[in-house]
Amino acid sequence: MTVKKILTLIDGTSTWVGKVTCVLALVVAFSIFYEIILREFLGRPTVWVSEATVFGCGLIYMLGGAWTLKQDGHVRVDMLYHGLSKRGKAIIDCVTYFAFLLYILVMIWASWQYMMQSIAVRETTMSPWDPIIWPCKIALVVSLIMLLLQQTAKFVRDSYFIMKGEEL
């Protein structure tokens, strides 16, 4: 498999997961609407909507990260970066990649431990609804790995641009 195909696969996966995650935003919005109708008009509030909303929003935040990175939508301190040439931006991004790499590898390692412990004890929230929460912890690990892959794809593209002066 060529480098270009691998980068396309990473981009495609990030885009697909990001778009599927957008549907989850509609589910969260509908569940909030459902809760408002039941609570305000029928006097029958639910036990589960509040927690489900927190989990849903957490999943949106986590699983949308790689797609946001692919779209260059993450916030950055832009005092100097904005004024740089495309090559200058690529150099800064390549240098800062190594700080990102250290951070993300520690996060993946810690999240993996957290996830494995949660699965082992079949962790729940211990609330009145008491849903299982280990699937969210699996999603955390998956989202961090996706973020690592997407940032690595950007690093490869930026490195190529620095060396060749053209897009990969």
N, C-alpha and C. Protein backbone atom coordinates (compact mmCIF):
# COMPACT_ATOMS: atom_id res chain seq x y z
N MET A 1 0.86 -1.18 0.00
CA MET A 1 0.00 0.00 0.00
C MET A 1 0.91 1.25 0.00
N THR A 2 0.62 2.18 -0.87
CA THR A 2 1.45 3.37 -0.97
C THR A 2 1.11 4.36 0.15
N VAL A 3 2.02 5.29 0.37
CA VAL A 3 1.82 6.32 1.40
C VAL A 3 0.56 7.12 1.11
N LYS A 4 0.37 7.47 -0.15
CA LYS A 4 -0.80 8.26 -0.53
C LYS A 4 -2.10 7.52 -0.22
N LYS A 5 -2.13 6.21 -0.46
CA LYS A 5 -3.33 5.43 -0.16
C LYS A 5 -3.57 5.34 1.35
N ILE A 6 -2.50 5.21 2.11
CA ILE A 6 -2.63 5.16 3.57
C ILE A 6 -3.19 6.49 4.09
N LEU A 7 -2.65 7.59 3.57
CA LEU A 7 -3.14 8.91 3.99
C LEU A 7 -4.60 9.10 3.60
N THR A 8 -4.97 8.63 2.43
CA THR A 8 -6.37 8.71 1.98
C THR A 8 -7.27 7.87 2.87
N LEU A 9 -6.80 6.69 3.28
CA LEU A 9 -7.57 5.83 4.18
C LEU A 9 -7.78 6.51 5.53
N ILE A 10 -6.72 7.11 6.07
CA ILE A 10 -6.84 7.82 7.35
C ILE A 10 -7.83 8.97 7.22
N ASP A 11 -7.69 9.77 6.16
CA ASP A 11 -8.61 10.90 5.94
C ASP A 11 -10.05 10.42 5.78
N GLY A 12 -10.22 9.36 5.01
CA GLY A 12 -11.57 8.84 4.78
C GLY A 12 -12.21 8.32 6.05
N THR A 13 -11.42 7.64 6.87
CA THR A 13 -11.94 7.12 8.14
C THR A 13 -12.34 8.27 9.06
N SER A 14 -11.47 9.28 9.16
CA SER A 14 -11.78 10.44 10.00
C SER A 14 -13.06 11.14 9.53
N THR A 15 -13.19 11.29 8.23
CA THR A 15 -14.39 11.94 7.67
C THR A 15 -15.63 11.11 7.93
N TRP A 16 -15.55 9.82 7.69
CA TRP A 16 -16.71 8.94 7.89
C TRP A 16 -17.15 8.95 9.35
N VAL A 17 -16.20 8.78 10.28
CA VAL A 17 -16.55 8.78 11.70
C VAL A 17 -17.11 10.14 12.11
N GLY A 18 -16.51 11.21 11.59
CA GLY A 18 -17.01 12.55 11.90
C GLY A 18 -18.43 12.76 11.44
N LYS A 19 -18.74 12.30 10.23
CA LYS A 19 -20.10 12.47 9.71
C LYS A 19 -21.11 11.61 10.45
N VAL A 20 -20.72 10.40 10.81
CA VAL A 20 -21.60 9.54 11.60
C VAL A 20 -21.85 10.18 12.97
N THR A 21 -20.80 10.78 13.52
CA THR A 21 -20.92 11.45 14.81
C THR A 21 -21.90 12.63 14.74
N CYS A 22 -21.98 13.26 13.58
CA CYS A 22 -22.96 14.36 13.40
C CYS A 22 -24.38 13.86 13.63
N VAL A 23 -24.65 12.63 13.25
CA VAL A 23 -25.98 12.06 13.46
C VAL A 23 -26.26 11.94 14.96
N LEU A 24 -25.21 11.62 15.72
CA LEU A 24 -25.37 11.54 17.17
C LEU A 24 -25.82 12.87 17.75
N ALA A 25 -25.37 13.97 17.16
CA ALA A 25 -25.81 15.30 17.63
C ALA A 25 -27.31 15.44 17.48
N LEU A 26 -27.87 14.90 16.41
CA LEU A 26 -29.33 14.94 16.24
C LEU A 26 -30.03 14.08 17.28
N VAL A 27 -29.46 12.93 17.60
CA VAL A 27 -30.04 12.05 18.62
C VAL A 27 -30.04 12.77 19.98
N VAL A 28 -28.93 13.43 20.29
CA VAL A 28 -28.84 14.17 21.56
C VAL A 28 -29.89 15.29 21.58
N ALA A 29 -29.98 16.04 20.50
CA ALA A 29 -30.96 17.13 20.44
C ALA A 29 -32.39 16.59 20.58
N PHE A 30 -32.68 15.48 19.93
CA PHE A 30 -34.01 14.89 20.03
C PHE A 30 -34.30 14.43 21.46
N SER A 31 -33.30 13.82 22.12
CA SER A 31 -33.54 13.36 23.49
C SER A 31 -33.78 14.53 24.44
N ILE A 32 -33.11 15.65 24.22
CA ILE A 32 -33.35 16.84 25.04
C ILE A 32 -34.77 17.36 24.78
N PHE A 33 -35.17 17.41 23.52
CA PHE A 33 -36.52 17.84 23.16
C PHE A 33 -37.56 16.92 23.81
N TYR A 34 -37.32 15.62 23.75
CA TYR A 34 -38.20 14.62 24.36
C TYR A 34 -38.35 14.88 25.85
N GLU A 35 -37.23 15.15 26.52
CA GLU A 35 -37.25 15.41 27.96
C GLU A 35 -38.06 16.67 28.27
N ILE A 36 -37.88 17.71 27.48
CA ILE A 36 -38.61 18.96 27.72
C ILE A 36 -40.11 18.74 27.58
N ILE A 37 -40.50 18.01 26.54
CA ILE A 37 -41.93 17.73 26.33
C ILE A 37 -42.49 16.94 27.51
N LEU A 38 -41.79 15.87 27.91
CA LEU A 38 -42.29 15.05 29.01
C LEU A 38 -42.33 15.81 30.33
N ARG A 39 -41.30 16.58 30.61
CA ARG A 39 -41.22 17.28 31.89
C ARG A 39 -42.17 18.47 31.96
N GLU A 40 -42.15 19.30 30.94
CA GLU A 40 -42.90 20.55 31.00
C GLU A 40 -44.39 20.40 30.68
N PHE A 41 -44.72 19.52 29.77
CA PHE A 41 -46.12 19.41 29.33
C PHE A 41 -46.86 18.22 29.94
N LEU A 42 -46.14 17.16 30.26
CA LEU A 42 -46.80 15.97 30.81
C LEU A 42 -46.48 15.74 32.29
N GLY A 43 -45.53 16.53 32.82
CA GLY A 43 -45.18 16.37 34.24
C GLY A 43 -44.52 15.04 34.55
N ARG A 44 -43.85 14.43 33.58
CA ARG A 44 -43.23 13.12 33.78
C ARG A 44 -41.76 13.15 33.33
N PRO A 45 -40.87 13.75 34.12
CA PRO A 45 -39.47 13.81 33.71
C PRO A 45 -38.84 12.41 33.65
N THR A 46 -37.83 12.29 32.83
CA THR A 46 -37.14 11.00 32.69
C THR A 46 -35.95 10.93 33.63
N VAL A 47 -35.47 9.72 33.85
CA VAL A 47 -34.29 9.50 34.68
C VAL A 47 -33.03 9.50 33.80
N TRP A 48 -33.17 9.13 32.57
CA TRP A 48 -32.01 8.83 31.73
C TRP A 48 -31.51 9.94 30.83
N VAL A 49 -32.34 10.93 30.49
CA VAL A 49 -31.96 11.91 29.46
C VAL A 49 -30.74 12.74 29.87
N SER A 50 -30.68 13.17 31.10
CA SER A 50 -29.57 14.01 31.53
C SER A 50 -28.24 13.29 31.34
N GLU A 51 -28.14 12.07 31.82
CA GLU A 51 -26.91 11.29 31.66
C GLU A 51 -26.63 10.95 30.20
N ALA A 52 -27.66 10.57 29.48
CA ALA A 52 -27.49 10.24 28.07
C ALA A 52 -26.99 11.45 27.28
N THR A 53 -27.45 12.63 27.64
CA THR A 53 -26.99 13.85 26.98
C THR A 53 -25.50 14.08 27.25
N VAL A 54 -25.07 13.88 28.47
CA VAL A 54 -23.66 14.04 28.81
C VAL A 54 -22.82 13.03 28.03
N PHE A 55 -23.25 11.78 28.00
CA PHE A 55 -22.50 10.76 27.25
C PHE A 55 -22.48 11.08 25.76
N GLY A 56 -23.64 11.46 25.22
CA GLY A 56 -23.73 11.77 23.80
C GLY A 56 -22.83 12.93 23.42
N CYS A 57 -22.86 13.99 24.21
CA CYS A 57 -22.01 15.16 23.93
C CYS A 57 -20.53 14.80 24.08
N GLY A 58 -20.21 13.96 25.05
CA GLY A 58 -18.83 13.49 25.21
C GLY A 58 -18.36 12.71 23.99
N LEU A 59 -19.22 11.84 23.49
CA LEU A 59 -18.88 11.07 22.29
C LEU A 59 -18.71 11.97 21.07
N ILE A 60 -19.58 12.97 20.94
CA ILE A 60 -19.45 13.92 19.83
C ILE A 60 -18.11 14.63 19.91
N TYR A 61 -17.76 15.09 21.09
CA TYR A 61 -16.50 15.80 21.30
C TYR A 61 -15.31 14.90 20.97
N MET A 62 -15.34 13.68 21.48
CA MET A 62 -14.19 12.77 21.28
C MET A 62 -14.09 12.30 19.83
N LEU A 63 -15.17 11.78 19.30
CA LEU A 63 -15.11 11.16 17.97
C LEU A 63 -15.05 12.18 16.84
N GLY A 64 -15.37 13.43 17.12
CA GLY A 64 -15.26 14.46 16.10
C GLY A 64 -13.88 15.09 16.00
N GLY A 65 -12.99 14.75 16.91
CA GLY A 65 -11.67 15.38 16.96
C GLY A 65 -10.81 15.17 15.73
N ALA A 66 -10.74 13.94 15.24
CA ALA A 66 -9.90 13.66 14.07
C ALA A 66 -10.44 14.35 12.82
N TRP A 67 -11.74 14.36 12.65
CA TRP A 67 -12.34 15.03 11.49
C TRP A 67 -12.10 16.54 11.57
N THR A 68 -12.24 17.09 12.77
CA THR A 68 -11.96 18.52 12.96
C THR A 68 -10.51 18.83 12.62
N LEU A 69 -9.60 17.96 13.03
CA LEU A 69 -8.18 18.14 12.69
C LEU A 69 -7.97 18.07 11.18
N LYS A 70 -8.62 17.12 10.54
CA LYS A 70 -8.50 16.99 9.09
C LYS A 70 -8.99 18.26 8.39
N GLN A 71 -10.03 18.87 8.92
CA GLN A 71 -10.60 20.09 8.34
C GLN A 71 -9.86 21.35 8.79
N ASP A 72 -8.79 21.17 9.58
CA ASP A 72 -8.01 22.29 10.14
C ASP A 72 -8.91 23.20 10.97
N GLY A 73 -9.77 22.59 11.77
CA GLY A 73 -10.73 23.35 12.55
C GLY A 73 -10.39 23.52 14.02
N HIS A 74 -9.28 22.96 14.47
CA HIS A 74 -8.90 23.12 15.87
C HIS A 74 -8.38 24.53 16.12
N VAL A 75 -8.61 25.02 17.31
CA VAL A 75 -8.15 26.35 17.69
C VAL A 75 -6.66 26.29 17.98
N ARG A 76 -5.94 27.32 17.54
CA ARG A 76 -4.52 27.40 17.86
C ARG A 76 -4.20 28.85 18.23
N VAL A 77 -3.11 29.03 18.97
CA VAL A 77 -2.63 30.38 19.27
C VAL A 77 -2.06 30.91 17.96
N ASP A 78 -2.63 31.98 17.48
CA ASP A 78 -2.40 32.37 16.10
C ASP A 78 -1.66 33.71 15.95
N MET A 79 -0.95 34.15 16.97
CA MET A 79 -0.29 35.45 16.88
C MET A 79 0.78 35.47 15.79
N LEU A 80 1.58 34.43 15.70
CA LEU A 80 2.64 34.37 14.70
C LEU A 80 2.28 33.47 13.52
N TYR A 81 1.64 32.38 13.82
CA TYR A 81 1.35 31.34 12.82
C TYR A 81 0.61 31.90 11.61
N HIS A 82 -0.35 32.76 11.85
CA HIS A 82 -1.20 33.30 10.78
C HIS A 82 -0.39 34.03 9.70
N GLY A 83 0.66 34.69 10.10
CA GLY A 83 1.44 35.47 9.15
C GLY A 83 2.51 34.69 8.41
N LEU A 84 2.68 33.42 8.75
CA LEU A 84 3.73 32.62 8.11
C LEU A 84 3.30 32.13 6.73
N SER A 85 4.30 31.83 5.91
CA SER A 85 4.04 31.21 4.61
C SER A 85 3.57 29.78 4.84
N LYS A 86 3.11 29.15 3.78
CA LYS A 86 2.66 27.76 3.89
C LYS A 86 3.82 26.86 4.35
N ARG A 87 5.01 27.12 3.85
CA ARG A 87 6.19 26.34 4.24
C ARG A 87 6.53 26.61 5.72
N GLY A 88 6.44 27.86 6.13
CA GLY A 88 6.70 28.20 7.54
C GLY A 88 5.72 27.52 8.47
N LYS A 89 4.44 27.50 8.08
CA LYS A 89 3.43 26.81 8.88
C LYS A 89 3.73 25.32 8.96
N ALA A 90 4.15 24.74 7.84
CA ALA A 90 4.49 23.31 7.82
C ALA A 90 5.67 23.01 8.75
N ILE A 91 6.65 23.89 8.76
CA ILE A 91 7.81 23.69 9.65
C ILE A 91 7.37 23.76 11.10
N ILE A 92 6.58 24.76 11.46
CA ILE A 92 6.09 24.88 12.84
C ILE A 92 5.27 23.64 13.21
N ASP A 93 4.41 23.19 12.32
CA ASP A 93 3.58 22.02 12.60
C ASP A 93 4.44 20.76 12.77
N CYS A 94 5.49 20.62 11.99
CA CYS A 94 6.37 19.45 12.12
C CYS A 94 7.14 19.48 13.43
N VAL A 95 7.61 20.65 13.84
CA VAL A 95 8.34 20.77 15.10
C VAL A 95 7.42 20.47 16.29
N THR A 96 6.22 21.03 16.26
CA THR A 96 5.29 20.83 17.37
C THR A 96 4.68 19.43 17.39
N TYR A 97 4.80 18.70 16.29
CA TYR A 97 4.27 17.33 16.22
C TYR A 97 4.87 16.47 17.32
N PHE A 98 6.13 16.68 17.64
CA PHE A 98 6.79 15.82 18.62
C PHE A 98 6.27 16.04 20.03
N ALA A 99 5.89 17.27 20.37
CA ALA A 99 5.23 17.53 21.66
C ALA A 99 3.86 16.85 21.66
N PHE A 100 3.14 16.99 20.54
CA PHE A 100 1.84 16.32 20.41
C PHE A 100 2.00 14.81 20.58
N LEU A 101 3.03 14.25 19.93
CA LEU A 101 3.25 12.81 19.97
C LEU A 101 3.46 12.31 21.39
N LEU A 102 4.28 13.01 22.15
CA LEU A 102 4.51 12.63 23.54
C LEU A 102 3.20 12.68 24.33
N TYR A 103 2.48 13.77 24.17
CA TYR A 103 1.21 13.95 24.88
C TYR A 103 0.20 12.86 24.52
N ILE A 104 0.02 12.62 23.23
CA ILE A 104 -1.02 11.68 22.80
C ILE A 104 -0.67 10.24 23.18
N LEU A 105 0.60 9.89 23.13
CA LEU A 105 0.99 8.53 23.52
C LEU A 105 0.74 8.30 25.01
N VAL A 106 1.01 9.30 25.84
CA VAL A 106 0.71 9.18 27.27
C VAL A 106 -0.79 9.08 27.48
N MET A 107 -1.55 9.89 26.75
CA MET A 107 -3.01 9.85 26.86
C MET A 107 -3.58 8.50 26.43
N ILE A 108 -3.04 7.94 25.35
CA ILE A 108 -3.51 6.63 24.88
C ILE A 108 -3.18 5.57 25.91
N TRP A 109 -1.97 5.60 26.43
CA TRP A 109 -1.57 4.61 27.44
C TRP A 109 -2.47 4.69 28.67
N ALA A 110 -2.66 5.91 29.20
CA ALA A 110 -3.48 6.08 30.40
C ALA A 110 -4.94 5.71 30.13
N SER A 111 -5.46 6.11 28.98
CA SER A 111 -6.85 5.79 28.63
C SER A 111 -7.05 4.29 28.44
N TRP A 112 -6.03 3.63 27.89
CA TRP A 112 -6.10 2.17 27.71
C TRP A 112 -6.22 1.50 29.08
N GLN A 113 -5.41 1.93 30.04
CA GLN A 113 -5.47 1.37 31.39
C GLN A 113 -6.85 1.61 32.01
N TYR A 114 -7.32 2.80 31.86
CA TYR A 114 -8.63 3.22 32.38
C TYR A 114 -9.74 2.38 31.75
N MET A 115 -9.65 2.18 30.43
CA MET A 115 -10.65 1.39 29.70
C MET A 115 -10.64 -0.07 30.15
N MET A 116 -9.45 -0.65 30.25
CA MET A 116 -9.35 -2.06 30.63
C MET A 116 -9.91 -2.30 32.03
N GLN A 117 -9.63 -1.40 32.95
CA GLN A 117 -10.16 -1.53 34.30
C GLN A 117 -11.68 -1.41 34.29
N SER A 118 -12.20 -0.49 33.51
CA SER A 118 -13.64 -0.29 33.42
C SER A 118 -14.35 -1.53 32.86
N ILE A 119 -13.75 -2.13 31.83
CA ILE A 119 -14.32 -3.35 31.25
C ILE A 119 -14.26 -4.49 32.26
N ALA A 120 -13.13 -4.60 32.96
CA ALA A 120 -12.94 -5.70 33.91
C ALA A 120 -13.97 -5.68 35.03
N VAL A 121 -14.33 -4.50 35.50
CA VAL A 121 -15.28 -4.41 36.61
C VAL A 121 -16.71 -4.16 36.13
N ARG A 122 -16.88 -4.12 34.80
CA ARG A 122 -18.20 -3.83 34.22
C ARG A 122 -18.78 -2.56 34.81
N GLU A 123 -18.00 -1.51 34.75
CA GLU A 123 -18.32 -0.24 35.39
C GLU A 123 -19.63 0.36 34.89
N THR A 124 -20.38 0.88 35.83
CA THR A 124 -21.60 1.63 35.54
C THR A 124 -21.51 2.97 36.28
N THR A 125 -22.49 3.82 36.07
CA THR A 125 -22.46 5.14 36.71
C THR A 125 -22.96 5.11 38.15
N MET A 126 -23.65 4.06 38.52
CA MET A 126 -24.25 3.92 39.85
C MET A 126 -25.31 5.00 40.12
N SER A 127 -25.90 5.51 39.08
CA SER A 127 -27.00 6.47 39.20
C SER A 127 -28.31 5.69 39.18
N PRO A 128 -29.44 6.35 39.33
CA PRO A 128 -30.71 5.62 39.23
C PRO A 128 -30.89 4.91 37.88
N TRP A 129 -30.40 5.50 36.80
CA TRP A 129 -30.48 4.85 35.49
C TRP A 129 -29.43 3.75 35.39
N ASP A 130 -28.22 4.00 35.86
CA ASP A 130 -27.11 3.05 35.98
C ASP A 130 -26.67 2.41 34.66
N PRO A 131 -26.39 3.21 33.63
CA PRO A 131 -25.91 2.61 32.37
C PRO A 131 -24.45 2.17 32.50
N ILE A 132 -24.06 1.25 31.63
CA ILE A 132 -22.65 0.87 31.56
C ILE A 132 -21.88 2.03 30.91
N ILE A 133 -20.65 2.25 31.37
CA ILE A 133 -19.89 3.36 30.80
C ILE A 133 -18.61 2.92 30.11
N TRP A 134 -18.30 1.63 30.15
CA TRP A 134 -17.07 1.21 29.47
C TRP A 134 -17.11 1.41 27.95
N PRO A 135 -18.25 1.40 27.28
CA PRO A 135 -18.21 1.72 25.84
C PRO A 135 -17.71 3.14 25.56
N CYS A 136 -18.03 4.08 26.45
CA CYS A 136 -17.51 5.44 26.28
C CYS A 136 -16.00 5.47 26.46
N LYS A 137 -15.49 4.63 27.32
CA LYS A 137 -14.04 4.58 27.53
C LYS A 137 -13.34 3.92 26.35
N ILE A 138 -14.01 2.98 25.71
CA ILE A 138 -13.47 2.41 24.46
C ILE A 138 -13.45 3.50 23.40
N ALA A 139 -14.52 4.28 23.33
CA ALA A 139 -14.58 5.38 22.35
C ALA A 139 -13.47 6.40 22.61
N LEU A 140 -13.12 6.63 23.85
CA LEU A 140 -12.04 7.55 24.17
C LEU A 140 -10.72 7.05 23.58
N VAL A 141 -10.42 5.77 23.78
CA VAL A 141 -9.18 5.20 23.24
C VAL A 141 -9.19 5.25 21.71
N VAL A 142 -10.30 4.87 21.11
CA VAL A 142 -10.42 4.91 19.65
C VAL A 142 -10.23 6.33 19.13
N SER A 143 -10.85 7.29 19.79
CA SER A 143 -10.75 8.68 19.31
C SER A 143 -9.32 9.20 19.44
N LEU A 144 -8.62 8.83 20.49
CA LEU A 144 -7.23 9.25 20.64
C LEU A 144 -6.34 8.63 19.57
N ILE A 145 -6.58 7.36 19.26
CA ILE A 145 -5.81 6.70 18.20
C ILE A 145 -6.10 7.36 16.85
N MET A 146 -7.37 7.68 16.61
CA MET A 146 -7.72 8.36 15.36
C MET A 146 -7.06 9.74 15.27
N LEU A 147 -7.01 10.44 16.38
CA LEU A 147 -6.36 11.75 16.42
C LEU A 147 -4.86 11.61 16.14
N LEU A 148 -4.24 10.59 16.72
CA LEU A 148 -2.83 10.31 16.45
C LEU A 148 -2.61 10.02 14.97
N LEU A 149 -3.43 9.18 14.39
CA LEU A 149 -3.28 8.84 12.97
C LEU A 149 -3.48 10.07 12.08
N GLN A 150 -4.49 10.88 12.38
CA GLN A 150 -4.76 12.06 11.55
C GLN A 150 -3.63 13.08 11.67
N GLN A 151 -3.11 13.27 12.88
CA GLN A 151 -2.01 14.22 13.06
C GLN A 151 -0.73 13.69 12.41
N THR A 152 -0.54 12.39 12.45
CA THR A 152 0.62 11.79 11.79
C THR A 152 0.51 11.95 10.27
N ALA A 153 -0.69 11.80 9.74
CA ALA A 153 -0.91 12.02 8.31
C ALA A 153 -0.58 13.47 7.95
N LYS A 154 -0.97 14.40 8.80
CA LYS A 154 -0.64 15.81 8.57
C LYS A 154 0.88 16.01 8.63
N PHE A 155 1.53 15.38 9.58
CA PHE A 155 2.99 15.47 9.71
C PHE A 155 3.68 14.96 8.44
N VAL A 156 3.22 13.84 7.92
CA VAL A 156 3.80 13.28 6.69
C VAL A 156 3.61 14.25 5.53
N ARG A 157 2.41 14.79 5.41
CA ARG A 157 2.14 15.75 4.33
C ARG A 157 2.98 17.02 4.48
N ASP A 158 3.08 17.53 5.71
CA ASP A 158 3.88 18.73 5.95
C ASP A 158 5.36 18.48 5.67
N SER A 159 5.87 17.33 6.08
CA SER A 159 7.27 16.98 5.83
C SER A 159 7.54 16.90 4.34
N TYR A 160 6.65 16.29 3.62
CA TYR A 160 6.79 16.17 2.16
C TYR A 160 6.79 17.56 1.52
N PHE A 161 5.88 18.42 1.99
CA PHE A 161 5.80 19.77 1.45
C PHE A 161 7.09 20.56 1.73
N ILE A 162 7.64 20.40 2.92
CA ILE A 162 8.89 21.09 3.27
C ILE A 162 10.02 20.64 2.34
N MET A 163 10.10 19.33 2.09
CA MET A 163 11.19 18.79 1.27
C MET A 163 11.00 19.04 -0.22
N LYS A 164 9.78 18.84 -0.71
CA LYS A 164 9.54 18.88 -2.16
C LYS A 164 8.89 20.18 -2.65
N GLY A 165 8.27 20.92 -1.74
CA GLY A 165 7.60 22.15 -2.16
C GLY A 165 6.27 21.91 -2.85
N GLU A 166 5.74 20.71 -2.75
CA GLU A 166 4.45 20.40 -3.35
C GLU A 166 3.64 19.52 -2.42
N GLU A 167 2.35 19.50 -2.64
CA GLU A 167 1.42 18.73 -1.81
C GLU A 167 1.52 17.24 -2.10
N LEU A 168 1.30 16.47 -1.07
CA LEU A 168 1.27 15.02 -1.24
C LEU A 168 -0.17 14.55 -1.31
